[in-house]
């Protein structure tokens, strides 16, 4: 992990806001249309809130109408870990930061071309680095 990446739960709690901690470390979901980046149209890189790994480029961001930042592809597939999520009586695909395990959101098969995927990501799991 990066030099400034927390290693313990206590370090994450001191680095992150309550909302960021609940989402990134406890797999919560922020309410739609409330996050900092759902309507962000600036060019740049979206990075993991916990370890600063580059996750998504603004070049793959699109308006899904869901109220969460949505991307059709990660900046590098090796930076994202996908896992089956059976919470709340649903079967979904959870997206996590492969480097630190932070919960990012979920992936759905209803995105635009060229991938047909929609990475529905919580703003609270991201930092945005403007170009």
Foldseek 3Di string as FASTA:
>chain_A
DDPQADDDLVSVPVQADPVLCCCFVVVDADDALPAPPLPDQFFFFKAFSRHRHTWATSVQWDNPVGRFTKGLGTPDPQQWDWDWDCPPNDTFIWIAGPVPGTTFATKDQCDDPDRSIIGGGHNSRIDTDGD
